[in-house]
Structures are given as C-alpha cells and as structure tokens.
Amino acid sequence: MYMKASDFKAKCLELMDKVHDYHEEIIITKHGKPVARLVSAQAEPKKSIFGFMKDLAKIKGDIIAPIDTKWDAEKDE
C-alpha cells in the first residue's frame, strides 16, 4: 500500500498496529516518490546461529567405538 507522508503522519500509530497485526507493508511517499517502507518486525524472523549448519555434515562409521591407533599425547620428547 502506498501512502502520502502527510497521511502517514496523521495515522502513524494506527498504521503501525495494522502493519504488525496483518503483516502488511506500507510505502510512504513524498511528492509521489517512495521514501520509506514500514514493515512488521516479525515479518522476517532472525535466524539463530544455533543449528544453522544442521544436516551439512555426515558421520561415517562408528564414532563411539575405540580406535586401534595409539596416540603419543603424553609422551615426553
């Protein structure tokens, strides 16, 4: 929906509620040219950093069973 800046100014709080409740978008114009856009903050939810790489790695083989290779982590050199 396009709206003149003067109309938006007169109904600002009402329009903010409408955008939030109905997830509508309002484009505010000055002299017929778009200058701003009002959208719901919930329209584009933030993606969590937790789990964003889910299903990108695959486990091959048994990761719980002991391995045959001996490590020398405690060996003094």
Protein backbone atom coordinates (compact mmCIF):
# COMPACT_ATOMS: atom_id res chain seq x y z
CA MET A 1 0.00 0.00 0.00
CA TYR A 2 1.32 3.45 -0.93
CA MET A 3 0.60 6.42 1.31
CA LYS A 4 1.49 10.10 1.34
CA ALA A 5 3.79 11.18 4.18
CA SER A 6 1.16 13.65 5.42
CA ASP A 7 -1.47 10.88 5.65
CA PHE A 8 1.02 8.59 7.35
CA LYS A 9 1.88 11.28 9.90
CA ALA A 10 -1.79 11.71 10.81
CA LYS A 11 -2.41 7.96 11.29
CA CYS A 12 1.05 6.73 12.28
CA LEU A 13 0.20 4.71 15.43
CA GLU A 14 -2.90 3.16 13.86
CA LEU A 15 -0.91 2.14 10.79
CA MET A 16 1.87 0.62 12.91
CA ASP A 17 -0.70 -1.62 14.62
CA LYS A 18 -2.19 -2.60 11.26
CA VAL A 19 1.22 -3.50 9.84
CA HIS A 20 2.03 -5.58 12.92
CA ASP A 21 -1.32 -7.39 13.08
CA TYR A 22 -1.77 -8.13 9.37
CA HIS A 23 1.88 -8.22 8.21
CA GLU A 24 1.12 -5.61 5.57
CA GLU A 25 3.68 -3.29 4.05
CA ILE A 26 3.22 0.46 3.71
CA ILE A 27 5.38 2.51 1.37
CA ILE A 28 5.49 6.16 2.37
CA THR A 29 5.85 8.71 -0.41
CA LYS A 30 6.81 12.37 -0.71
CA HIS A 31 5.82 14.17 -3.89
CA GLY A 32 4.84 10.81 -5.38
CA LYS A 33 8.25 9.19 -4.81
CA PRO A 34 8.82 6.37 -2.30
CA VAL A 35 10.98 7.49 0.64
CA ALA A 36 10.37 4.83 3.32
CA ARG A 37 8.81 1.45 3.91
CA LEU A 38 7.03 0.29 7.07
CA VAL A 39 7.04 -3.49 7.61
CA SER A 40 6.31 -5.73 10.56
CA ALA A 41 9.30 -6.58 12.73
CA GLN A 42 8.03 -10.17 12.80
CA ALA A 43 7.79 -10.43 9.02
CA GLU A 44 11.37 -11.68 8.76
CA PRO A 45 12.35 -13.61 11.88
CA LYS A 46 16.01 -13.66 12.81
CA LYS A 47 17.81 -16.88 12.14
CA SER A 48 19.51 -18.43 15.12
CA ILE A 49 23.22 -19.17 14.97
CA PHE A 50 22.47 -22.46 16.68
CA GLY A 51 21.72 -25.21 14.20
CA PHE A 52 22.34 -23.16 11.05
CA MET A 53 24.71 -25.89 9.77
CA LYS A 54 22.37 -28.75 10.65
CA ASP A 55 22.46 -31.62 8.15
CA LEU A 56 25.62 -30.33 6.43
CA ALA A 57 27.96 -32.94 7.98
CA LYS A 58 27.63 -36.70 7.72
CA ILE A 59 29.01 -39.22 10.19
CA LYS A 60 30.70 -42.20 8.53
CA GLY A 61 31.40 -45.26 10.59
CA ASP A 62 31.24 -45.82 14.34
CA ILE A 63 32.23 -42.72 16.30
CA ILE A 64 31.80 -44.35 19.71
CA ALA A 65 33.96 -47.48 19.44
CA PRO A 66 37.64 -47.24 20.45
CA ILE A 67 40.16 -46.84 17.65
CA ASP A 68 43.18 -49.07 17.03
CA THR A 69 45.67 -46.21 16.69
CA LYS A 70 47.70 -45.36 19.80
CA TRP A 71 48.37 -41.71 20.44
CA ASP A 72 51.54 -40.39 21.96
CA ALA A 73 49.93 -37.36 23.57
CA GLU A 74 51.59 -37.92 26.94
CA LYS A 75 54.96 -38.97 25.55
CA ASP A 76 57.90 -36.75 26.58
CA GLU A 77 60.29 -35.88 23.80
